[in-house]
Amino acid sequence: MTADFASSPKLAWCAALLLSSVLVAGCSSEGDTPILEFREVHALSMPPEGPKIPAPRGATFGPDGELYVLDDAGRVLVFDSQGKLIRKWFMPEYSVGKPEGVWRFLDGRIAVADTHYHRVVLFDAEGNVLNMHGEHGTGPGQFEYPVAITQDPHGNYYVCEYGGGDRIQKFDVDGNWLLEFGGFGINDGEFQRPSGIVWREGFVYVADAINNRVQVFRDSGEFVRIAGAPDKRPSVQYPYDLAQDVSGNLWVVEYGGNRVTKMTPDGQTLGVFGSSGGGSGQFSTPWGIAVAADGRVIVCDTGNRRLVELTP
């Protein structure tokens, strides 16, 4: 059974979780932080797998509006621009653990950070495995728990990993290792669980989850800054994923804060949305985030086993 992201009365979920054609605002504990407002908030139930309703973990949009979602059943789900599930496939292996990061490459390949198998798996658009690379280790091209992927306009791609090395590795379009940066720690340029990554205009933005910050690097690997002015950095609680909109603003999903934060590229907070819970405008340990070209935001509301669409 499938359901649409669009405002359709046929959505297969509890009606209490659907707010249509109304102005909705989230909740924030910071009185001086603006609250993001959305015209619509939709909660979408995940397609079942047998008797289980899986939980989403990662998401990304393609340029045609297709949405790719990873879940904890080991599936890759593909929804069209209207929110209809059009195909799905399973990871080659998933008994040890499920993947966390997905990205659609410029050439149409689908790249998945196969976290617990310490590799990157590349699929064609229909879900056929094209190739995979990586093995458990800390050397160039090896991985310890890769969790997120992004690509730059030149085809190079960047992989976040945690587990002791806590670094970013950069590869060319063919998967050849180019460089790495980061390392485990709390100092500038170091990470404790880098969990989300965005490339923008020669800079790489990384969600440094346990250190509760977003760090900025040149795409050649040099540390630049922590996002935000030193005296007014964004207050983010366990930031778990990043996305950017067409204006270049960053969207941060906060696993620990159960909310979404929108900020400028230099780290100025534009607003927050969400609070803890299972109702509308609430999240439970949200894991991933994606932003469509038309401005719609998809949140992997993992603890509530649903996707949430925020329409500005």
C-alpha atoms as a PDB file:
ATOM      1  CA  MET A   1       0.000   0.000   0.000  1.00  0.00           C
ATOM      2  CA  THR A   2       1.268   3.481  -0.811  1.00  0.00           C
ATOM      3  CA  ALA A   3       0.322   6.994   0.180  1.00  0.00           C
ATOM      4  CA  ASP A   4       0.950  10.411  -1.341  1.00  0.00           C
ATOM      5  CA  PHE A   5       2.918  13.307   0.126  1.00  0.00           C
ATOM      6  CA  ALA A   6       0.481  15.695  -1.537  1.00  0.00           C
ATOM      7  CA  SER A   7      -2.668  16.866   0.245  1.00  0.00           C
ATOM      8  CA  SER A   8      -4.851  13.860  -0.584  1.00  0.00           C
ATOM      9  CA  PRO A   9      -7.688  12.510   1.617  1.00  0.00           C
ATOM     10  CA  LYS A  10      -6.532   8.967   0.813  1.00  0.00           C
ATOM     11  CA  LEU A  11      -3.403   9.112   2.967  1.00  0.00           C
ATOM     12  CA  ALA A  12      -3.075   5.858   4.913  1.00  0.00           C
ATOM     13  CA  TRP A  13      -2.481   7.071   8.425  1.00  0.00           C
ATOM     14  CA  CYS A  14      -4.269   8.432  11.464  1.00  0.00           C
ATOM     15  CA  ALA A  15      -6.141  11.610  10.590  1.00  0.00           C
ATOM     16  CA  ALA A  16      -4.862  13.304  13.699  1.00  0.00           C
ATOM     17  CA  LEU A  17      -1.411  13.395  12.153  1.00  0.00           C
ATOM     18  CA  LEU A  18      -2.545  15.253   9.029  1.00  0.00           C
ATOM     19  CA  LEU A  19      -2.893  19.016   8.940  1.00  0.00           C
ATOM     20  CA  SER A  20      -3.895  20.358   5.547  1.00  0.00           C
ATOM     21  CA  SER A  21      -4.059  23.916   4.224  1.00  0.00           C
ATOM     22  CA  VAL A  22      -3.431  25.546   7.573  1.00  0.00           C
ATOM     23  CA  LEU A  23      -0.576  27.581   8.948  1.00  0.00           C
ATOM     24  CA  VAL A  24       1.396  25.465  11.397  1.00  0.00           C
ATOM     25  CA  ALA A  25       4.148  26.548  13.759  1.00  0.00           C
ATOM     26  CA  GLY A  26       6.438  24.445  15.902  1.00  0.00           C
ATOM     27  CA  CYS A  27       7.516  24.914  19.497  1.00  0.00           C
ATOM     28  CA  SER A  28      10.844  26.160  20.792  1.00  0.00           C
ATOM     29  CA  SER A  29      12.302  26.457  24.266  1.00  0.00           C
ATOM     30  CA  GLU A  30      14.407  29.436  23.199  1.00  0.00           C
ATOM     31  CA  GLY A  31      12.268  32.515  23.487  1.00  0.00           C
ATOM     32  CA  ASP A  32      14.431  34.690  21.228  1.00  0.00           C
ATOM     33  CA  THR A  33      14.636  32.130  18.408  1.00  0.00           C
ATOM     34  CA  PRO A  34      12.137  32.588  15.564  1.00  0.00           C
ATOM     35  CA  ILE A  35       9.657  29.785  14.986  1.00  0.00           C
ATOM     36  CA  LEU A  36       9.513  28.479  11.434  1.00  0.00           C
ATOM     37  CA  GLU A  37       6.041  28.480   9.952  1.00  0.00           C
ATOM     38  CA  PHE A  38       4.734  26.039   7.356  1.00  0.00           C
ATOM     39  CA  ARG A  39       1.588  26.122   5.288  1.00  0.00           C
ATOM     40  CA  GLU A  40       1.125  22.378   5.612  1.00  0.00           C
ATOM     41  CA  VAL A  41       2.505  19.557   7.746  1.00  0.00           C
ATOM     42  CA  HIS A  42       1.898  16.007   6.564  1.00  0.00           C
ATOM     43  CA  ALA A  43       2.877  12.792   8.303  1.00  0.00           C
ATOM     44  CA  LEU A  44       3.368   9.823   5.993  1.00  0.00           C
ATOM     45  CA  SER A  45       3.289   6.254   7.258  1.00  0.00           C
ATOM     46  CA  MET A  46       6.109   4.071   6.069  1.00  0.00           C
ATOM     47  CA  PRO A  47       5.130   1.194   3.767  1.00  0.00           C
ATOM     48  CA  PRO A  48       4.976  -2.007   5.861  1.00  0.00           C
ATOM     49  CA  GLU A  49       7.363  -4.896   5.475  1.00  0.00           C
ATOM     50  CA  GLY A  50       5.415  -7.961   6.534  1.00  0.00           C
ATOM     51  CA  PRO A  51       3.913  -7.277   9.962  1.00  0.00           C
ATOM     52  CA  LYS A  52       6.457  -4.554  10.722  1.00  0.00           C
ATOM     53  CA  ILE A  53       6.288  -0.819  10.094  1.00  0.00           C
ATOM     54  CA  PRO A  54       9.922   0.121   9.525  1.00  0.00           C
ATOM     55  CA  ALA A  55      11.452   3.413  10.627  1.00  0.00           C
ATOM     56  CA  PRO A  56      13.090   5.801   8.138  1.00  0.00           C
ATOM     57  CA  ARG A  57      16.733   6.727   8.594  1.00  0.00           C
ATOM     58  CA  GLY A  58      17.979   8.695   5.605  1.00  0.00           C
ATOM     59  CA  ALA A  59      16.517  10.592   2.667  1.00  0.00           C
ATOM     60  CA  THR A  60      17.555  12.597  -0.366  1.00  0.00           C
ATOM     61  CA  PHE A  61      15.863  14.144  -3.383  1.00  0.00           C
ATOM     62  CA  GLY A  62      16.856  13.715  -7.003  1.00  0.00           C
ATOM     63  CA  PRO A  63      16.665  16.617  -9.481  1.00  0.00           C
ATOM     64  CA  ASP A  64      13.399  15.248 -10.890  1.00  0.00           C
ATOM     65  CA  GLY A  65      11.710  15.404  -7.494  1.00  0.00           C
ATOM     66  CA  GLU A  66      12.013  11.710  -6.753  1.00  0.00           C
ATOM     67  CA  LEU A  67      12.604  10.983  -3.082  1.00  0.00           C
ATOM     68  CA  TYR A  68      14.935   8.204  -1.963  1.00  0.00           C
ATOM     69  CA  VAL A  69      14.475   6.881   1.573  1.00  0.00           C
ATOM     70  CA  LEU A  70      16.436   4.351   3.627  1.00  0.00           C
ATOM     71  CA  ASP A  71      14.719   2.466   6.445  1.00  0.00           C
ATOM     72  CA  ASP A  72      15.637   0.034   9.200  1.00  0.00           C
ATOM     73  CA  ALA A  73      14.259  -2.905   7.230  1.00  0.00           C
ATOM     74  CA  GLY A  74      17.270  -2.588   4.928  1.00  0.00           C
ATOM     75  CA  ARG A  75      15.221  -1.116   2.083  1.00  0.00           C
ATOM     76  CA  VAL A  76      15.709   1.692  -0.400  1.00  0.00           C
ATOM     77  CA  LEU A  77      12.318   3.233  -1.188  1.00  0.00           C
ATOM     78  CA  VAL A  78      11.726   5.548  -4.141  1.00  0.00           C
ATOM     79  CA  PHE A  79       8.751   7.935  -4.211  1.00  0.00           C
ATOM     80  CA  ASP A  80       7.801  10.050  -7.206  1.00  0.00           C
ATOM     81  CA  SER A  81       7.294  13.811  -7.034  1.00  0.00           C
ATOM     82  CA  GLN A  82       3.675  13.262  -5.992  1.00  0.00           C
ATOM     83  CA  GLY A  83       4.657  11.010  -3.094  1.00  0.00           C
ATOM     84  CA  LYS A  84       3.682   7.681  -4.657  1.00  0.00           C
ATOM     85  CA  LEU A  85       5.929   4.717  -3.926  1.00  0.00           C
ATOM     86  CA  ILE A  86       7.144   3.640  -7.356  1.00  0.00           C
ATOM     87  CA  ARG A  87       9.860   1.101  -6.559  1.00  0.00           C
ATOM     88  CA  LYS A  88      11.900  -0.376  -3.764  1.00  0.00           C
ATOM     89  CA  TRP A  89      14.769  -2.771  -3.230  1.00  0.00           C
ATOM     90  CA  PHE A  90      16.806  -4.277  -0.416  1.00  0.00           C
ATOM     91  CA  MET A  91      20.437  -3.795   0.406  1.00  0.00           C
ATOM     92  CA  PRO A  92      22.703  -6.712  -0.612  1.00  0.00           C
ATOM     93  CA  GLU A  93      23.092  -7.599   3.079  1.00  0.00           C
ATOM     94  CA  TYR A  94      21.422  -6.180   6.149  1.00  0.00           C
ATOM     95  CA  SER A  95      21.368  -8.766   8.963  1.00  0.00           C
ATOM     96  CA  VAL A  96      24.332  -7.130  10.741  1.00  0.00           C
ATOM     97  CA  GLY A  97      22.863  -3.618  10.563  1.00  0.00           C
ATOM     98  CA  LYS A  98      21.020  -1.174   8.363  1.00  0.00           C
ATOM     99  CA  PRO A  99      22.413   1.703   6.265  1.00  0.00           C
ATOM    100  CA  GLU A 100      22.024   5.349   7.215  1.00  0.00           C
ATOM    101  CA  GLY A 101      22.969   7.631   4.313  1.00  0.00           C
ATOM    102  CA  VAL A 102      21.757   7.886   0.706  1.00  0.00           C
ATOM    103  CA  TRP A 103      22.588  10.246  -2.159  1.00  0.00           C
ATOM    104  CA  ARG A 104      21.630  10.426  -5.826  1.00  0.00           C
ATOM    105  CA  PHE A 105      24.701  11.074  -7.940  1.00  0.00           C
ATOM    106  CA  LEU A 106      24.705  13.497 -10.855  1.00  0.00           C
ATOM    107  CA  ASP A 107      24.958  10.577 -13.287  1.00  0.00           C
ATOM    108  CA  GLY A 108      21.852   8.914 -11.830  1.00  0.00           C
ATOM    109  CA  ARG A 109      23.563   6.319  -9.656  1.00  0.00           C
ATOM    110  CA  ILE A 110      22.257   5.861  -6.123  1.00  0.00           C
ATOM    111  CA  ALA A 111      24.984   5.772  -3.467  1.00  0.00           C
ATOM    112  CA  VAL A 112      24.300   4.281  -0.044  1.00  0.00           C
ATOM    113  CA  ALA A 113      26.551   4.478   3.002  1.00  0.00           C
ATOM    114  CA  ASP A 114      26.257   0.843   4.065  1.00  0.00           C
ATOM    115  CA  THR A 115      27.098   1.661   7.644  1.00  0.00           C
ATOM    116  CA  HIS A 116      27.557  -1.690   9.360  1.00  0.00           C
ATOM    117  CA  TYR A 117      29.233  -3.303   6.369  1.00  0.00           C
ATOM    118  CA  HIS A 118      31.814  -0.507   6.172  1.00  0.00           C
ATOM    119  CA  ARG A 119      31.369   0.246   2.476  1.00  0.00           C
ATOM    120  CA  VAL A 120      29.630   2.363  -0.115  1.00  0.00           C
ATOM    121  CA  VAL A 121      27.196   0.546  -2.392  1.00  0.00           C
ATOM    122  CA  LEU A 122      26.293   2.003  -5.789  1.00  0.00           C
ATOM    123  CA  PHE A 123      23.003   1.089  -7.494  1.00  0.00           C
ATOM    124  CA  ASP A 124      21.465   1.978 -10.809  1.00  0.00           C
ATOM    125  CA  ALA A 125      18.063   3.677 -10.819  1.00  0.00           C
ATOM    126  CA  GLU A 126      16.265   0.312 -10.702  1.00  0.00           C
ATOM    127  CA  GLY A 127      18.165  -0.976  -7.704  1.00  0.00           C
ATOM    128  CA  ASN A 128      20.713  -3.196  -9.402  1.00  0.00           C
ATOM    129  CA  VAL A 129      24.102  -3.206  -7.699  1.00  0.00           C
ATOM    130  CA  LEU A 130      26.698  -1.611  -9.979  1.00  0.00           C
ATOM    131  CA  ASN A 131      29.628  -1.882  -7.625  1.00  0.00           C
ATOM    132  CA  MET A 132      30.698  -1.353  -4.041  1.00  0.00           C
ATOM    133  CA  HIS A 133      33.905  -0.254  -2.406  1.00  0.00           C
ATOM    134  CA  GLY A 134      35.394  -0.184   1.051  1.00  0.00           C
ATOM    135  CA  GLU A 135      36.160  -2.543   3.883  1.00  0.00           C
ATOM    136  CA  HIS A 136      36.507  -2.252   7.641  1.00  0.00           C
ATOM    137  CA  GLY A 137      39.578  -0.240   8.541  1.00  0.00           C
ATOM    138  CA  THR A 138      41.108   3.191   8.987  1.00  0.00           C
ATOM    139  CA  GLY A 139      43.309   3.386   5.910  1.00  0.00           C
ATOM    140  CA  PRO A 140      42.575   5.334   2.716  1.00  0.00           C
ATOM    141  CA  GLY A 141      39.401   3.980   1.137  1.00  0.00           C
ATOM    142  CA  GLN A 142      38.527   1.875   4.173  1.00  0.00           C
ATOM    143  CA  PHE A 143      35.609   2.739   6.454  1.00  0.00           C
ATOM    144  CA  GLU A 144      34.466   2.574  10.024  1.00  0.00           C
ATOM    145  CA  TYR A 145      30.694   3.028  10.035  1.00  0.00           C
ATOM    146  CA  PRO A 146      30.071   5.353   7.073  1.00  0.00           C
ATOM    147  CA  VAL A 147      26.857   7.280   7.626  1.00  0.00           C
ATOM    148  CA  ALA A 148      26.432  10.084   5.088  1.00  0.00           C
ATOM    149  CA  ILE A 149      27.343  10.974   1.503  1.00  0.00           C
ATOM    150  CA  THR A 150      27.238  14.119  -0.603  1.00  0.00           C
ATOM    151  CA  GLN A 151      28.621  15.074  -4.017  1.00  0.00           C
ATOM    152  CA  ASP A 152      30.039  18.249  -5.534  1.00  0.00           C
ATOM    153  CA  PRO A 153      29.359  19.518  -9.077  1.00  0.00           C
ATOM    154  CA  HIS A 154      32.601  17.937 -10.308  1.00  0.00           C
ATOM    155  CA  GLY A 155      31.358  14.479  -9.371  1.00  0.00           C
ATOM    156  CA  ASN A 156      33.648  14.078  -6.357  1.00  0.00           C
ATOM    157  CA  TYR A 157      31.897  12.648  -3.343  1.00  0.00           C
ATOM    158  CA  TYR A 158      32.438  12.880   0.392  1.00  0.00           C
ATOM    159  CA  VAL A 159      31.696  10.211   3.005  1.00  0.00           C
ATOM    160  CA  CYS A 160      31.249  10.774   6.765  1.00  0.00           C
ATOM    161  CA  GLU A 161      32.267   7.966   9.087  1.00  0.00           C
ATOM    162  CA  TYR A 162      32.473   7.447  12.822  1.00  0.00           C
ATOM    163  CA  GLY A 163      33.710   4.741  15.162  1.00  0.00           C
ATOM    164  CA  GLY A 164      37.133   6.002  16.224  1.00  0.00           C
ATOM    165  CA  GLY A 165      38.466   7.558  13.043  1.00  0.00           C
ATOM    166  CA  ASP A 166      35.631  10.080  12.810  1.00  0.00           C
ATOM    167  CA  ARG A 167      36.679  11.623   9.518  1.00  0.00           C
ATOM    168  CA  ILE A 168      35.553  12.659   6.056  1.00  0.00           C
ATOM    169  CA  GLN A 169      36.956  10.892   3.002  1.00  0.00           C
ATOM    170  CA  LYS A 170      36.802  12.364  -0.493  1.00  0.00           C
ATOM    171  CA  PHE A 171      36.651  10.255  -3.672  1.00  0.00           C
ATOM    172  CA  ASP A 172      36.530  11.095  -7.355  1.00  0.00           C
ATOM    173  CA  VAL A 173      33.551  10.160  -9.508  1.00  0.00           C
ATOM    174  CA  ASP A 174      35.036   6.703 -10.148  1.00  0.00           C
ATOM    175  CA  GLY A 175      35.558   5.967  -6.463  1.00  0.00           C
ATOM    176  CA  ASN A 176      39.296   6.665  -6.342  1.00  0.00           C
ATOM    177  CA  TRP A 177      40.464   7.984  -2.977  1.00  0.00           C
ATOM    178  CA  LEU A 178      41.577  11.624  -2.994  1.00  0.00           C
ATOM    179  CA  LEU A 179      42.017  12.803   0.579  1.00  0.00           C
ATOM    180  CA  GLU A 180      40.682  12.728   4.132  1.00  0.00           C
ATOM    181  CA  PHE A 181      40.217  15.258   6.902  1.00  0.00           C
ATOM    182  CA  GLY A 182      39.015  15.371  10.472  1.00  0.00           C
ATOM    183  CA  GLY A 183      39.784  12.928  13.267  1.00  0.00           C
ATOM    184  CA  PHE A 184      38.290  12.053  16.618  1.00  0.00           C
ATOM    185  CA  GLY A 185      38.134  14.805  19.234  1.00  0.00           C
ATOM    186  CA  ILE A 186      36.565  18.005  20.462  1.00  0.00           C
ATOM    187  CA  ASN A 187      38.933  20.575  18.972  1.00  0.00           C
ATOM    188  CA  ASP A 188      38.320  22.621  15.842  1.00  0.00           C
ATOM    189  CA  GLY A 189      38.431  20.354  12.817  1.00  0.00           C
ATOM    190  CA  GLU A 190      37.797  17.223  14.873  1.00  0.00           C
ATOM    191  CA  PHE A 191      34.589  15.228  15.208  1.00  0.00           C
ATOM    192  CA  GLN A 192      32.592  13.036  17.481  1.00  0.00           C
ATOM    193  CA  ARG A 193      30.249  11.221  15.104  1.00  0.00           C
ATOM    194  CA  PRO A 194      30.133  13.310  11.936  1.00  0.00           C
ATOM    195  CA  SER A 195      26.634  12.425  10.794  1.00  0.00           C
ATOM    196  CA  GLY A 196      25.521  14.720   7.985  1.00  0.00           C
ATOM    197  CA  ILE A 197      27.302  16.531   5.176  1.00  0.00           C
ATOM    198  CA  VAL A 198      26.594  19.211   2.559  1.00  0.00           C
ATOM    199  CA  TRP A 199      28.784  20.701  -0.193  1.00  0.00           C
ATOM    200  CA  ARG A 200      28.235  24.355  -1.109  1.00  0.00           C
ATOM    201  CA  GLU A 201      30.395  26.647  -3.241  1.00  0.00           C
ATOM    202  CA  GLY A 202      33.692  24.999  -2.402  1.00  0.00           C
ATOM    203  CA  PHE A 203      32.914  24.405   1.265  1.00  0.00           C
ATOM    204  CA  VAL A 204      31.883  21.257   3.105  1.00  0.00           C
ATOM    205  CA  TYR A 205      29.484  21.562   6.047  1.00  0.00           C
ATOM    206  CA  VAL A 206      29.477  18.715   8.551  1.00  0.00           C
ATOM    207  CA  ALA A 207      27.028  17.934  11.349  1.00  0.00           C
ATOM    208  CA  ASP A 208      29.319  17.096  14.273  1.00  0.00           C
ATOM    209  CA  ALA A 209      26.702  15.287  16.323  1.00  0.00           C
ATOM    210  CA  ILE A 210      28.122  14.621  19.764  1.00  0.00           C
ATOM    211  CA  ASN A 211      29.988  17.946  19.784  1.00  0.00           C
ATOM    212  CA  ASN A 212      26.658  19.698  19.092  1.00  0.00           C
ATOM    213  CA  ARG A 213      27.897  21.883  16.252  1.00  0.00           C
ATOM    214  CA  VAL A 214      28.197  22.306  12.501  1.00  0.00           C
ATOM    215  CA  GLN A 215      31.744  22.646  11.193  1.00  0.00           C
ATOM    216  CA  VAL A 216      32.867  24.163   7.898  1.00  0.00           C
ATOM    217  CA  PHE A 217      35.828  23.042   5.775  1.00  0.00           C
ATOM    218  CA  ARG A 218      37.182  23.834   2.343  1.00  0.00           C
ATOM    219  CA  ASP A 219      36.584  20.932   0.024  1.00  0.00           C
ATOM    220  CA  SER A 220      40.353  20.498  -0.084  1.00  0.00           C
ATOM    221  CA  GLY A 221      40.112  19.532   3.594  1.00  0.00           C
ATOM    222  CA  GLU A 222      41.208  22.647   5.513  1.00  0.00           C
ATOM    223  CA  PHE A 223      39.184  23.610   8.573  1.00  0.00           C
ATOM    224  CA  VAL A 224      37.539  27.028   8.182  1.00  0.00           C
ATOM    225  CA  ARG A 225      35.252  27.655  11.135  1.00  0.00           C
ATOM    226  CA  ILE A 226      32.453  26.450  13.317  1.00  0.00           C
ATOM    227  CA  ALA A 227      29.168  27.699  11.900  1.00  0.00           C
ATOM    228  CA  GLY A 228      27.940  30.839  13.623  1.00  0.00           C
ATOM    229  CA  ALA A 229      29.600  33.825  15.217  1.00  0.00           C
ATOM    230  CA  PRO A 230      31.803  32.882  18.219  1.00  0.00           C
ATOM    231  CA  ASP A 231      29.498  34.743  20.597  1.00  0.00           C
ATOM    232  CA  LYS A 232      26.263  33.456  19.029  1.00  0.00           C
ATOM    233  CA  ARG A 233      26.602  29.992  17.602  1.00  0.00           C
ATOM    234  CA  PRO A 234      23.471  28.015  16.765  1.00  0.00           C
ATOM    235  CA  SER A 235      22.201  25.935  19.657  1.00  0.00           C
ATOM    236  CA  VAL A 236      21.879  22.487  18.111  1.00  0.00           C
ATOM    237  CA  GLN A 237      21.329  19.324  20.118  1.00  0.00           C
ATOM    238  CA  TYR A 238      22.946  16.248  18.569  1.00  0.00           C
ATOM    239  CA  PRO A 239      22.649  17.418  14.954  1.00  0.00           C
ATOM    240  CA  TYR A 240      22.240  14.247  12.925  1.00  0.00           C
ATOM    241  CA  ASP A 241      21.839  15.336   9.330  1.00  0.00           C
ATOM    242  CA  LEU A 242      22.120  18.342   7.028  1.00  0.00           C
ATOM    243  CA  ALA A 243      20.441  19.463   3.816  1.00  0.00           C
ATOM    244  CA  GLN A 244      20.402  22.698   1.854  1.00  0.00           C
ATOM    245  CA  ASP A 245      17.696  24.513  -0.045  1.00  0.00           C
ATOM    246  CA  VAL A 246      17.964  26.281  -3.397  1.00  0.00           C
ATOM    247  CA  SER A 247      18.893  29.526  -1.621  1.00  0.00           C
ATOM    248  CA  GLY A 248      21.849  27.842   0.046  1.00  0.00           C
ATOM    249  CA  ASN A 249      20.371  27.873   3.534  1.00  0.00           C
ATOM    250  CA  LEU A 250      21.187  24.890   5.727  1.00  0.00           C
ATOM    251  CA  TRP A 251      18.582  22.666   7.352  1.00  0.00           C
ATOM    252  CA  VAL A 252      19.694  20.721  10.413  1.00  0.00           C
ATOM    253  CA  VAL A 253      17.748  17.868  11.945  1.00  0.00           C
ATOM    254  CA  GLU A 254      18.444  17.513  15.655  1.00  0.00           C
ATOM    255  CA  TYR A 255      18.269  13.957  16.970  1.00  0.00           C
ATOM    256  CA  GLY A 256      18.639  15.187  20.545  1.00  0.00           C
ATOM    257  CA  GLY A 257      16.510  18.323  20.209  1.00  0.00           C
ATOM    258  CA  ASN A 258      13.632  16.655  18.312  1.00  0.00           C
ATOM    259  CA  ARG A 259      13.375  19.581  15.955  1.00  0.00           C
ATOM    260  CA  VAL A 260      14.584  21.172  12.733  1.00  0.00           C
ATOM    261  CA  THR A 261      16.783  24.275  12.609  1.00  0.00           C
ATOM    262  CA  LYS A 262      17.224  26.488   9.552  1.00  0.00           C
ATOM    263  CA  MET A 263      20.367  28.604   9.312  1.00  0.00           C
ATOM    264  CA  THR A 264      22.266  30.711   6.820  1.00  0.00           C
ATOM    265  CA  PRO A 265      25.551  29.357   5.422  1.00  0.00           C
ATOM    266  CA  ASP A 266      27.478  31.478   7.915  1.00  0.00           C
ATOM    267  CA  GLY A 267      25.532  29.985  10.805  1.00  0.00           C
ATOM    268  CA  GLN A 268      22.891  32.598  11.594  1.00  0.00           C
ATOM    269  CA  THR A 269      19.788  30.877  12.942  1.00  0.00           C
ATOM    270  CA  LEU A 270      16.713  31.709  10.860  1.00  0.00           C
ATOM    271  CA  GLY A 271      14.260  29.635  12.871  1.00  0.00           C
ATOM    272  CA  VAL A 272      13.400  26.316  14.479  1.00  0.00           C
ATOM    273  CA  PHE A 273      10.463  23.953  14.227  1.00  0.00           C
ATOM    274  CA  GLY A 274       9.310  21.036  16.330  1.00  0.00           C
ATOM    275  CA  SER A 275       9.252  19.606  19.810  1.00  0.00           C
ATOM    276  CA  SER A 276       9.372  16.176  21.420  1.00  0.00           C
ATOM    277  CA  GLY A 277       6.422  13.851  20.959  1.00  0.00           C
ATOM    278  CA  GLY A 278       4.299  11.955  18.493  1.00  0.00           C
ATOM    279  CA  GLY A 279       1.760  14.569  17.479  1.00  0.00           C
ATOM    280  CA  SER A 280       1.700  16.994  14.591  1.00  0.00           C
ATOM    281  CA  GLY A 281       4.704  19.305  14.650  1.00  0.00           C
ATOM    282  CA  GLN A 282       6.536  16.910  16.955  1.00  0.00           C
ATOM    283  CA  PHE A 283       9.411  14.489  16.397  1.00  0.00           C
ATOM    284  CA  SER A 284      11.053  11.571  18.156  1.00  0.00           C
ATOM    285  CA  THR A 285      14.772  11.080  17.501  1.00  0.00           C
ATOM    286  CA  PRO A 286      14.617  12.390  13.912  1.00  0.00           C
ATOM    287  CA  TRP A 287      17.467  10.878  11.908  1.00  0.00           C
ATOM    288  CA  GLY A 288      17.557  12.389   8.406  1.00  0.00           C
ATOM    289  CA  ILE A 289      16.436  15.405   6.396  1.00  0.00           C
ATOM    290  CA  ALA A 290      16.077  16.332   2.717  1.00  0.00           C
ATOM    291  CA  VAL A 291      14.909  19.480   0.919  1.00  0.00           C
ATOM    292  CA  ALA A 292      13.234  19.459  -2.499  1.00  0.00           C
ATOM    293  CA  ALA A 293      13.788  22.069  -5.201  1.00  0.00           C
ATOM    294  CA  ASP A 294      10.314  23.473  -4.503  1.00  0.00           C
ATOM    295  CA  GLY A 295      11.194  24.045  -0.839  1.00  0.00           C
ATOM    296  CA  ARG A 296       9.424  21.078   0.737  1.00  0.00           C
ATOM    297  CA  VAL A 297      11.317  19.591   3.658  1.00  0.00           C
ATOM    298  CA  ILE A 298      11.209  15.870   4.442  1.00  0.00           C
ATOM    299  CA  VAL A 299      12.141  14.743   7.953  1.00  0.00           C
ATOM    300  CA  CYS A 300      12.853  11.111   8.831  1.00  0.00           C
ATOM    301  CA  ASP A 301      10.900  11.015  12.106  1.00  0.00           C
ATOM    302  CA  THR A 302      12.555   7.790  13.104  1.00  0.00           C
ATOM    303  CA  GLY A 303      11.175   7.255  16.580  1.00  0.00           C
ATOM    304  CA  ASN A 304       7.628   7.777  15.309  1.00  0.00           C
ATOM    305  CA  ARG A 305       8.225   5.511  12.272  1.00  0.00           C
ATOM    306  CA  ARG A 306       7.057   8.061   9.746  1.00  0.00           C
ATOM    307  CA  LEU A 307       8.154  10.682   7.263  1.00  0.00           C
ATOM    308  CA  VAL A 308       7.033  14.239   7.890  1.00  0.00           C
ATOM    309  CA  GLU A 309       6.661  16.704   5.025  1.00  0.00           C
ATOM    310  CA  LEU A 310       6.872  20.418   5.805  1.00  0.00           C
ATOM    311  CA  THR A 311       5.508  22.679   3.067  1.00  0.00           C
ATOM    312  CA  PRO A 312       6.439  26.387   3.302  1.00  0.00           C
END
